[in-house]
Amino acid sequence: MLITILMLLLTAINLFLGWYLFTHRNRPFLVFHPEKNAGLASLTKFSGLALTVMGVVALVATVIQNNVFISIVLIFDIILVLVVQMIFVSFFPKQ
């Protein structure tokens, strides 16, 4: 039961972050300005789509209740979020 609740929470977080990044691909958010940088705009678009897809896959894994599939989804999700964060760090504004 706890795994189901946590997977639903992961799904909600992935879908929210994916939607947020995708909708902010042409307007500023936090300290980033994708409207001024084409590479950052494409990164937010790709990241938003990838997180949304991972959210849908996590929802499917939650419904199926296969522990191996859930584990694979969690590993891919951790890798995806880590890679996205590390790439966003390279676009952090320099002072």
PDB file of N, CA and C in Angstrom:
ATOM      1  N   MET A   1       0.820  -1.198   0.000  1.00  0.00           N
ATOM      2  CA  MET A   1       0.000   0.000   0.000  1.00  0.00           C
ATOM      3  C   MET A   1       0.864   1.263   0.000  1.00  0.00           C
ATOM      4  N   LEU A   2       1.945   1.250   0.781  1.00  0.00           N
ATOM      5  CA  LEU A   2       2.824   2.414   0.856  1.00  0.00           C
ATOM      6  C   LEU A   2       3.516   2.667  -0.478  1.00  0.00           C
ATOM      7  N   ILE A   3       3.904   1.601  -1.179  1.00  0.00           N
ATOM      8  CA  ILE A   3       4.541   1.760  -2.485  1.00  0.00           C
ATOM      9  C   ILE A   3       3.575   2.414  -3.465  1.00  0.00           C
ATOM     10  N   THR A   4       2.323   2.045  -3.413  1.00  0.00           N
ATOM     11  CA  THR A   4       1.326   2.641  -4.298  1.00  0.00           C
ATOM     12  C   THR A   4       1.181   4.133  -4.031  1.00  0.00           C
ATOM     13  N   ILE A   5       1.119   4.515  -2.768  1.00  0.00           N
ATOM     14  CA  ILE A   5       0.986   5.930  -2.418  1.00  0.00           C
ATOM     15  C   ILE A   5       2.219   6.710  -2.871  1.00  0.00           C
ATOM     16  N   LEU A   6       3.405   6.159  -2.637  1.00  0.00           N
ATOM     17  CA  LEU A   6       4.637   6.837  -3.036  1.00  0.00           C
ATOM     18  C   LEU A   6       4.763   6.921  -4.559  1.00  0.00           C
ATOM     19  N   MET A   7       4.340   5.897  -5.267  1.00  0.00           N
ATOM     20  CA  MET A   7       4.379   5.942  -6.725  1.00  0.00           C
ATOM     21  C   MET A   7       3.387   6.971  -7.265  1.00  0.00           C
ATOM     22  N   LEU A   8       2.233   7.096  -6.633  1.00  0.00           N
ATOM     23  CA  LEU A   8       1.285   8.125  -7.050  1.00  0.00           C
ATOM     24  C   LEU A   8       1.844   9.524  -6.781  1.00  0.00           C
ATOM     25  N   LEU A   9       2.571   9.670  -5.675  1.00  0.00           N
ATOM     26  CA  LEU A   9       3.219  10.938  -5.379  1.00  0.00           C
ATOM     27  C   LEU A   9       4.301  11.240  -6.425  1.00  0.00           C
ATOM     28  N   LEU A  10       5.096  10.240  -6.778  1.00  0.00           N
ATOM     29  CA  LEU A  10       6.110  10.400  -7.822  1.00  0.00           C
ATOM     30  C   LEU A  10       5.464  10.780  -9.151  1.00  0.00           C
ATOM     31  N   THR A  11       4.353  10.150  -9.476  1.00  0.00           N
ATOM     32  CA  THR A  11       3.644  10.463 -10.711  1.00  0.00           C
ATOM     33  C   THR A  11       3.183  11.915 -10.717  1.00  0.00           C
ATOM     34  N   ALA A  12       2.613  12.360  -9.606  1.00  0.00           N
ATOM     35  CA  ALA A  12       2.142  13.742  -9.518  1.00  0.00           C
ATOM     36  C   ALA A  12       3.295  14.732  -9.646  1.00  0.00           C
ATOM     37  N   ILE A  13       4.417  14.441  -8.997  1.00  0.00           N
ATOM     38  CA  ILE A  13       5.578  15.333  -9.070  1.00  0.00           C
ATOM     39  C   ILE A  13       6.124  15.382 -10.496  1.00  0.00           C
ATOM     40  N   ASN A  14       6.251  14.233 -11.137  1.00  0.00           N
ATOM     41  CA  ASN A  14       6.745  14.193 -12.515  1.00  0.00           C
ATOM     42  C   ASN A  14       5.829  14.949 -13.467  1.00  0.00           C
ATOM     43  N   LEU A  15       4.531  14.730 -13.338  1.00  0.00           N
ATOM     44  CA  LEU A  15       3.599  15.408 -14.228  1.00  0.00           C
ATOM     45  C   LEU A  15       3.603  16.910 -13.994  1.00  0.00           C
ATOM     46  N   PHE A  16       3.670  17.339 -12.736  1.00  0.00           N
ATOM     47  CA  PHE A  16       3.696  18.769 -12.439  1.00  0.00           C
ATOM     48  C   PHE A  16       4.981  19.414 -12.965  1.00  0.00           C
ATOM     49  N   LEU A  17       6.134  18.808 -12.673  1.00  0.00           N
ATOM     50  CA  LEU A  17       7.393  19.381 -13.144  1.00  0.00           C
ATOM     51  C   LEU A  17       7.488  19.369 -14.673  1.00  0.00           C
ATOM     52  N   GLY A  18       7.001  18.306 -15.288  1.00  0.00           N
ATOM     53  CA  GLY A  18       6.996  18.255 -16.753  1.00  0.00           C
ATOM     54  C   GLY A  18       6.117  19.335 -17.352  1.00  0.00           C
ATOM     55  N   TRP A  19       4.943  19.531 -16.785  1.00  0.00           N
ATOM     56  CA  TRP A  19       4.044  20.582 -17.263  1.00  0.00           C
ATOM     57  C   TRP A  19       4.670  21.952 -17.042  1.00  0.00           C
ATOM     58  N   TYR A  20       5.256  22.158 -15.863  1.00  0.00           N
ATOM     59  CA  TYR A  20       5.853  23.453 -15.533  1.00  0.00           C
ATOM     60  C   TYR A  20       6.997  23.797 -16.479  1.00  0.00           C
ATOM     61  N   LEU A  21       7.895  22.860 -16.705  1.00  0.00           N
ATOM     62  CA  LEU A  21       9.014  23.119 -17.608  1.00  0.00           C
ATOM     63  C   LEU A  21       8.544  23.338 -19.040  1.00  0.00           C
ATOM     64  N   PHE A  22       7.578  22.539 -19.473  1.00  0.00           N
ATOM     65  CA  PHE A  22       7.103  22.682 -20.852  1.00  0.00           C
ATOM     66  C   PHE A  22       6.402  24.015 -21.066  1.00  0.00           C
ATOM     67  N   THR A  23       5.641  24.474 -20.088  1.00  0.00           N
ATOM     68  CA  THR A  23       4.941  25.754 -20.249  1.00  0.00           C
ATOM     69  C   THR A  23       5.859  26.953 -20.066  1.00  0.00           C
ATOM     70  N   HIS A  24       7.037  26.760 -19.478  1.00  0.00           N
ATOM     71  CA  HIS A  24       7.965  27.867 -19.279  1.00  0.00           C
ATOM     72  C   HIS A  24       9.133  27.828 -20.265  1.00  0.00           C
ATOM     73  N   ARG A  25       8.931  27.236 -21.413  1.00  0.00           N
ATOM     74  CA  ARG A  25      10.018  27.161 -22.388  1.00  0.00           C
ATOM     75  C   ARG A  25      10.244  28.484 -23.106  1.00  0.00           C
ATOM     76  N   ASN A  26       9.305  29.412 -23.034  1.00  0.00           N
ATOM     77  CA  ASN A  26       9.458  30.709 -23.693  1.00  0.00           C
ATOM     78  C   ASN A  26       9.293  31.886 -22.749  1.00  0.00           C
ATOM     79  N   ARG A  27       9.343  31.647 -21.457  1.00  0.00           N
ATOM     80  CA  ARG A  27       9.244  32.740 -20.493  1.00  0.00           C
ATOM     81  C   ARG A  27      10.146  32.439 -19.301  1.00  0.00           C
ATOM     82  N   PRO A  28      10.573  33.480 -18.609  1.00  0.00           N
ATOM     83  CA  PRO A  28      11.532  33.269 -17.513  1.00  0.00           C
ATOM     84  C   PRO A  28      10.917  32.542 -16.325  1.00  0.00           C
ATOM     85  N   PHE A  29      11.745  31.756 -15.658  1.00  0.00           N
ATOM     86  CA  PHE A  29      11.348  31.099 -14.412  1.00  0.00           C
ATOM     87  C   PHE A  29      12.581  30.987 -13.533  1.00  0.00           C
ATOM     88  N   LEU A  30      12.367  31.157 -12.242  1.00  0.00           N
ATOM     89  CA  LEU A  30      13.442  31.177 -11.261  1.00  0.00           C
ATOM     90  C   LEU A  30      14.528  32.156 -11.726  1.00  0.00           C
ATOM     91  N   VAL A  31      15.745  31.700 -11.978  1.00  0.00           N
ATOM     92  CA  VAL A  31      16.814  32.579 -12.452  1.00  0.00           C
ATOM     93  C   VAL A  31      17.140  32.325 -13.923  1.00  0.00           C
ATOM     94  N   PHE A  32      16.382  31.490 -14.586  1.00  0.00           N
ATOM     95  CA  PHE A  32      16.644  31.104 -15.970  1.00  0.00           C
ATOM     96  C   PHE A  32      15.796  31.943 -16.929  1.00  0.00           C
ATOM     97  N   HIS A  33      16.357  32.201 -18.109  1.00  0.00           N
ATOM     98  CA  HIS A  33      15.666  32.973 -19.139  1.00  0.00           C
ATOM     99  C   HIS A  33      15.736  32.223 -20.470  1.00  0.00           C
ATOM    100  N   PRO A  34      14.854  31.245 -20.675  1.00  0.00           N
ATOM    101  CA  PRO A  34      14.907  30.483 -21.929  1.00  0.00           C
ATOM    102  C   PRO A  34      14.509  31.312 -23.150  1.00  0.00           C
ATOM    103  N   GLU A  35      13.823  32.430 -22.954  1.00  0.00           N
ATOM    104  CA  GLU A  35      13.457  33.262 -24.103  1.00  0.00           C
ATOM    105  C   GLU A  35      14.686  33.945 -24.705  1.00  0.00           C
ATOM    106  N   LYS A  36      15.773  34.020 -23.947  1.00  0.00           N
ATOM    107  CA  LYS A  36      17.012  34.641 -24.432  1.00  0.00           C
ATOM    108  C   LYS A  36      18.042  33.616 -24.901  1.00  0.00           C
ATOM    109  N   ASN A  37      17.818  32.323 -24.610  1.00  0.00           N
ATOM    110  CA  ASN A  37      18.795  31.290 -24.916  1.00  0.00           C
ATOM    111  C   ASN A  37      18.079  30.109 -25.578  1.00  0.00           C
ATOM    112  N   ALA A  38      18.379  29.878 -26.845  1.00  0.00           N
ATOM    113  CA  ALA A  38      17.696  28.811 -27.587  1.00  0.00           C
ATOM    114  C   ALA A  38      18.019  27.430 -27.023  1.00  0.00           C
ATOM    115  N   GLY A  39      19.248  27.241 -26.558  1.00  0.00           N
ATOM    116  CA  GLY A  39      19.620  25.946 -25.975  1.00  0.00           C
ATOM    117  C   GLY A  39      18.838  25.652 -24.710  1.00  0.00           C
ATOM    118  N   LEU A  40      18.661  26.659 -23.891  1.00  0.00           N
ATOM    119  CA  LEU A  40      17.878  26.489 -22.661  1.00  0.00           C
ATOM    120  C   LEU A  40      16.408  26.254 -22.974  1.00  0.00           C
ATOM    121  N   ALA A  41      15.899  26.927 -24.002  1.00  0.00           N
ATOM    122  CA  ALA A  41      14.500  26.723 -24.401  1.00  0.00           C
ATOM    123  C   ALA A  41      14.277  25.284 -24.875  1.00  0.00           C
ATOM    124  N   SER A  42      15.209  24.769 -25.657  1.00  0.00           N
ATOM    125  CA  SER A  42      15.054  23.385 -26.121  1.00  0.00           C
ATOM    126  C   SER A  42      15.233  22.400 -24.967  1.00  0.00           C
ATOM    127  N   LEU A  43      16.101  22.735 -24.012  1.00  0.00           N
ATOM    128  CA  LEU A  43      16.269  21.880 -22.840  1.00  0.00           C
ATOM    129  C   LEU A  43      14.989  21.831 -22.007  1.00  0.00           C
ATOM    130  N   THR A  44      14.357  22.975 -21.800  1.00  0.00           N
ATOM    131  CA  THR A  44      13.114  22.974 -21.016  1.00  0.00           C
ATOM    132  C   THR A  44      12.009  22.214 -21.753  1.00  0.00           C
ATOM    133  N   LYS A  45      11.978  22.329 -23.068  1.00  0.00           N
ATOM    134  CA  LYS A  45      10.979  21.593 -23.850  1.00  0.00           C
ATOM    135  C   LYS A  45      11.207  20.084 -23.734  1.00  0.00           C
ATOM    136  N   PHE A  46      12.456  19.654 -23.965  1.00  0.00           N
ATOM    137  CA  PHE A  46      12.776  18.230 -23.877  1.00  0.00           C
ATOM    138  C   PHE A  46      12.556  17.699 -22.468  1.00  0.00           C
ATOM    139  N   SER A  47      13.013  18.456 -21.466  1.00  0.00           N
ATOM    140  CA  SER A  47      12.860  18.019 -20.074  1.00  0.00           C
ATOM    141  C   SER A  47      11.390  17.910 -19.690  1.00  0.00           C
ATOM    142  N   GLY A  48      10.601  18.886 -20.108  1.00  0.00           N
ATOM    143  CA  GLY A  48       9.173  18.848 -19.812  1.00  0.00           C
ATOM    144  C   GLY A  48       8.491  17.638 -20.417  1.00  0.00           C
ATOM    145  N   LEU A  49       8.806  17.361 -21.674  1.00  0.00           N
ATOM    146  CA  LEU A  49       8.214  16.193 -22.325  1.00  0.00           C
ATOM    147  C   LEU A  49       8.693  14.891 -21.681  1.00  0.00           C
ATOM    148  N   ALA A  50       9.992  14.813 -21.373  1.00  0.00           N
ATOM    149  CA  ALA A  50      10.542  13.592 -20.785  1.00  0.00           C
ATOM    150  C   ALA A  50       9.943  13.327 -19.400  1.00  0.00           C
ATOM    151  N   LEU A  51       9.809  14.368 -18.593  1.00  0.00           N
ATOM    152  CA  LEU A  51       9.224  14.181 -17.261  1.00  0.00           C
ATOM    153  C   LEU A  51       7.740  13.828 -17.343  1.00  0.00           C
ATOM    154  N   THR A  52       7.044  14.393 -18.319  1.00  0.00           N
ATOM    155  CA  THR A  52       5.638  14.041 -18.495  1.00  0.00           C
ATOM    156  C   THR A  52       5.500  12.582 -18.913  1.00  0.00           C
ATOM    157  N   VAL A  53       6.349  12.138 -19.828  1.00  0.00           N
ATOM    158  CA  VAL A  53       6.316  10.728 -20.253  1.00  0.00           C
ATOM    159  C   VAL A  53       6.650   9.818 -19.072  1.00  0.00           C
ATOM    160  N   MET A  54       7.649  10.194 -18.282  1.00  0.00           N
ATOM    161  CA  MET A  54       7.995   9.388 -17.106  1.00  0.00           C
ATOM    162  C   MET A  54       6.852   9.369 -16.094  1.00  0.00           C
ATOM    163  N   GLY A  55       6.114  10.462 -15.992  1.00  0.00           N
ATOM    164  CA  GLY A  55       4.952  10.485 -15.115  1.00  0.00           C
ATOM    165  C   GLY A  55       3.879   9.503 -15.570  1.00  0.00           C
ATOM    166  N   VAL A  56       3.646   9.459 -16.865  1.00  0.00           N
ATOM    167  CA  VAL A  56       2.657   8.519 -17.403  1.00  0.00           C
ATOM    168  C   VAL A  56       3.137   7.078 -17.222  1.00  0.00           C
ATOM    169  N   VAL A  57       4.422   6.831 -17.470  1.00  0.00           N
ATOM    170  CA  VAL A  57       4.969   5.477 -17.287  1.00  0.00           C
ATOM    171  C   VAL A  57       4.904   5.077 -15.808  1.00  0.00           C
ATOM    172  N   ALA A  58       5.171   6.013 -14.906  1.00  0.00           N
ATOM    173  CA  ALA A  58       5.064   5.720 -13.472  1.00  0.00           C
ATOM    174  C   ALA A  58       3.623   5.399 -13.092  1.00  0.00           C
ATOM    175  N   LEU A  59       2.684   6.085 -13.706  1.00  0.00           N
ATOM    176  CA  LEU A  59       1.268   5.781 -13.436  1.00  0.00           C
ATOM    177  C   LEU A  59       0.912   4.381 -13.930  1.00  0.00           C
ATOM    178  N   VAL A  60       1.411   4.029 -15.100  1.00  0.00           N
ATOM    179  CA  VAL A  60       1.179   2.674 -15.628  1.00  0.00           C
ATOM    180  C   VAL A  60       1.810   1.641 -14.702  1.00  0.00           C
ATOM    181  N   ALA A  61       3.027   1.903 -14.236  1.00  0.00           N
ATOM    182  CA  ALA A  61       3.689   0.975 -13.318  1.00  0.00           C
ATOM    183  C   ALA A  61       2.913   0.835 -12.017  1.00  0.00           C
ATOM    184  N   THR A  62       2.318   1.918 -11.563  1.00  0.00           N
ATOM    185  CA  THR A  62       1.522   1.861 -10.337  1.00  0.00           C
ATOM    186  C   THR A  62       0.272   1.018 -10.528  1.00  0.00           C
ATOM    187  N   VAL A  63      -0.363   1.172 -11.662  1.00  0.00           N
ATOM    188  CA  VAL A  63      -1.581   0.406 -11.939  1.00  0.00           C
ATOM    189  C   VAL A  63      -1.267  -1.075 -12.116  1.00  0.00           C
ATOM    190  N   ILE A  64      -0.166  -1.379 -12.810  1.00  0.00           N
ATOM    191  CA  ILE A  64       0.197  -2.776 -13.073  1.00  0.00           C
ATOM    192  C   ILE A  64       0.626  -3.495 -11.798  1.00  0.00           C
ATOM    193  N   GLN A  65       1.293  -2.786 -10.872  1.00  0.00           N
ATOM    194  CA  GLN A  65       1.762  -3.342  -9.607  1.00  0.00           C
ATOM    195  C   GLN A  65       2.772  -4.477  -9.788  1.00  0.00           C
ATOM    196  N   ASN A  66       3.658  -4.306 -10.768  1.00  0.00           N
ATOM    197  CA  ASN A  66       4.746  -5.256 -10.976  1.00  0.00           C
ATOM    198  C   ASN A  66       5.997  -4.655 -10.345  1.00  0.00           C
ATOM    199  N   ASN A  67       6.552  -5.322  -9.346  1.00  0.00           N
ATOM    200  CA  ASN A  67       7.679  -4.764  -8.601  1.00  0.00           C
ATOM    201  C   ASN A  67       8.918  -4.540  -9.462  1.00  0.00           C
ATOM    202  N   VAL A  68       9.160  -5.414 -10.414  1.00  0.00           N
ATOM    203  CA  VAL A  68      10.317  -5.248 -11.297  1.00  0.00           C
ATOM    204  C   VAL A  68      10.125  -4.012 -12.175  1.00  0.00           C
ATOM    205  N   PHE A  69       8.948  -3.847 -12.726  1.00  0.00           N
ATOM    206  CA  PHE A  69       8.659  -2.688 -13.574  1.00  0.00           C
ATOM    207  C   PHE A  69       8.723  -1.395 -12.760  1.00  0.00           C
ATOM    208  N   ILE A  70       8.210  -1.421 -11.546  1.00  0.00           N
ATOM    209  CA  ILE A  70       8.279  -0.255 -10.664  1.00  0.00           C
ATOM    210  C   ILE A  70       9.735   0.096 -10.376  1.00  0.00           C
ATOM    211  N   SER A  71      10.563  -0.907 -10.116  1.00  0.00           N
ATOM    212  CA  SER A  71      11.977  -0.659  -9.845  1.00  0.00           C
ATOM    213  C   SER A  71      12.687  -0.052 -11.051  1.00  0.00           C
ATOM    214  N   ILE A  72      12.388  -0.562 -12.236  1.00  0.00           N
ATOM    215  CA  ILE A  72      12.998  -0.028 -13.458  1.00  0.00           C
ATOM    216  C   ILE A  72      12.567   1.416 -13.680  1.00  0.00           C
ATOM    217  N   VAL A  73      11.293   1.704 -13.471  1.00  0.00           N
ATOM    218  CA  VAL A  73      10.786   3.069 -13.630  1.00  0.00           C
ATOM    219  C   VAL A  73      11.467   4.001 -12.627  1.00  0.00           C
ATOM    220  N   LEU A  74      11.630   3.561 -11.397  1.00  0.00           N
ATOM    221  CA  LEU A  74      12.288   4.396 -10.393  1.00  0.00           C
ATOM    222  C   LEU A  74      13.742   4.682 -10.758  1.00  0.00           C
ATOM    223  N   ILE A  75      14.450   3.688 -11.252  1.00  0.00           N
ATOM    224  CA  ILE A  75      15.848   3.887 -11.645  1.00  0.00           C
ATOM    225  C   ILE A  75      15.941   4.876 -12.806  1.00  0.00           C
ATOM    226  N   PHE A  76      15.105   4.691 -13.832  1.00  0.00           N
ATOM    227  CA  PHE A  76      15.125   5.615 -14.964  1.00  0.00           C
ATOM    228  C   PHE A  76      14.721   7.027 -14.547  1.00  0.00           C
ATOM    229  N   ASP A  77      13.778   7.126 -13.628  1.00  0.00           N
ATOM    230  CA  ASP A  77      13.330   8.438 -13.169  1.00  0.00           C
ATOM    231  C   ASP A  77      14.440   9.150 -12.395  1.00  0.00           C
ATOM    232  N   ILE A  78      15.137   8.420 -11.560  1.00  0.00           N
ATOM    233  CA  ILE A  78      16.256   9.013 -10.818  1.00  0.00           C
ATOM    234  C   ILE A  78      17.327   9.505 -11.783  1.00  0.00           C
ATOM    235  N   ILE A  79      17.662   8.700 -12.775  1.00  0.00           N
ATOM    236  CA  ILE A  79      18.679   9.091 -13.753  1.00  0.00           C
ATOM    237  C   ILE A  79      18.212  10.316 -14.545  1.00  0.00           C
ATOM    238  N   LEU A  80      16.965  10.323 -14.983  1.00  0.00           N
ATOM    239  CA  LEU A  80      16.445  11.441 -15.761  1.00  0.00           C
ATOM    240  C   LEU A  80      16.476  12.745 -14.966  1.00  0.00           C
ATOM    241  N   VAL A  81      15.994  12.709 -13.743  1.00  0.00           N
ATOM    242  CA  VAL A  81      15.958  13.922 -12.925  1.00  0.00           C
ATOM    243  C   VAL A  81      17.379  14.412 -12.636  1.00  0.00           C
ATOM    244  N   LEU A  82      18.282  13.494 -12.356  1.00  0.00           N
ATOM    245  CA  LEU A  82      19.674  13.873 -12.091  1.00  0.00           C
ATOM    246  C   LEU A  82      20.318  14.518 -13.308  1.00  0.00           C
ATOM    247  N   VAL A  83      20.123  13.933 -14.476  1.00  0.00           N
ATOM    248  CA  VAL A  83      20.706  14.482 -15.702  1.00  0.00           C
ATOM    249  C   VAL A  83      20.119  15.859 -16.011  1.00  0.00           C
ATOM    250  N   VAL A  84      18.819  16.002 -15.869  1.00  0.00           N
ATOM    251  CA  VAL A  84      18.179  17.299 -16.130  1.00  0.00           C
ATOM    252  C   VAL A  84      18.727  18.363 -15.186  1.00  0.00           C
ATOM    253  N   GLN A  85      18.854  18.035 -13.918  1.00  0.00           N
ATOM    254  CA  GLN A  85      19.376  19.006 -12.955  1.00  0.00           C
ATOM    255  C   GLN A  85      20.816  19.377 -13.271  1.00  0.00           C
ATOM    256  N   MET A  86      21.634  18.412 -13.630  1.00  0.00           N
ATOM    257  CA  MET A  86      23.036  18.698 -13.927  1.00  0.00           C
ATOM    258  C   MET A  86      23.172  19.553 -15.194  1.00  0.00           C
ATOM    259  N   ILE A  87      22.318  19.347 -16.169  1.00  0.00           N
ATOM    260  CA  ILE A  87      22.374  20.172 -17.370  1.00  0.00           C
ATOM    261  C   ILE A  87      21.878  21.588 -17.064  1.00  0.00           C
ATOM    262  N   PHE A  88      20.840  21.716 -16.246  1.00  0.00           N
ATOM    263  CA  PHE A  88      20.355  23.047 -15.874  1.00  0.00           C
ATOM    264  C   PHE A  88      21.427  23.841 -15.123  1.00  0.00           C
ATOM    265  N   VAL A  89      22.276  23.182 -14.371  1.00  0.00           N
ATOM    266  CA  VAL A  89      23.348  23.868 -13.651  1.00  0.00           C
ATOM    267  C   VAL A  89      24.285  24.564 -14.633  1.00  0.00           C
ATOM    268  N   SER A  90      24.495  23.981 -15.797  1.00  0.00           N
ATOM    269  CA  SER A  90      25.381  24.614 -16.774  1.00  0.00           C
ATOM    270  C   SER A  90      24.790  25.906 -17.333  1.00  0.00           C
ATOM    271  N   PHE A  91      23.465  26.088 -17.234  1.00  0.00           N
ATOM    272  CA  PHE A  91      22.815  27.307 -17.694  1.00  0.00           C
ATOM    273  C   PHE A  91      22.600  28.315 -16.580  1.00  0.00           C
ATOM    274  N   PHE A  92      23.109  28.008 -15.393  1.00  0.00           N
ATOM    275  CA  PHE A  92      22.964  28.915 -14.258  1.00  0.00           C
ATOM    276  C   PHE A  92      23.683  30.221 -14.577  1.00  0.00           C
ATOM    277  N   PRO A  93      23.035  31.356 -14.350  1.00  0.00           N
ATOM    278  CA  PRO A  93      23.671  32.635 -14.728  1.00  0.00           C
ATOM    279  C   PRO A  93      24.950  32.898 -13.927  1.00  0.00           C
ATOM    280  N   LYS A  94      25.977  33.358 -14.656  1.00  0.00           N
ATOM    281  CA  LYS A  94      27.238  33.693 -14.013  1.00  0.00           C
ATOM    282  C   LYS A  94      27.158  35.131 -13.522  1.00  0.00           C
ATOM    283  N   GLN A  95      27.862  35.426 -12.444  1.00  0.00           N
ATOM    284  CA  GLN A  95      27.813  36.785 -11.908  1.00  0.00           C
ATOM    285  C   GLN A  95      28.907  37.635 -12.462  1.00  0.00           C
TER     286      GLN A  95
END
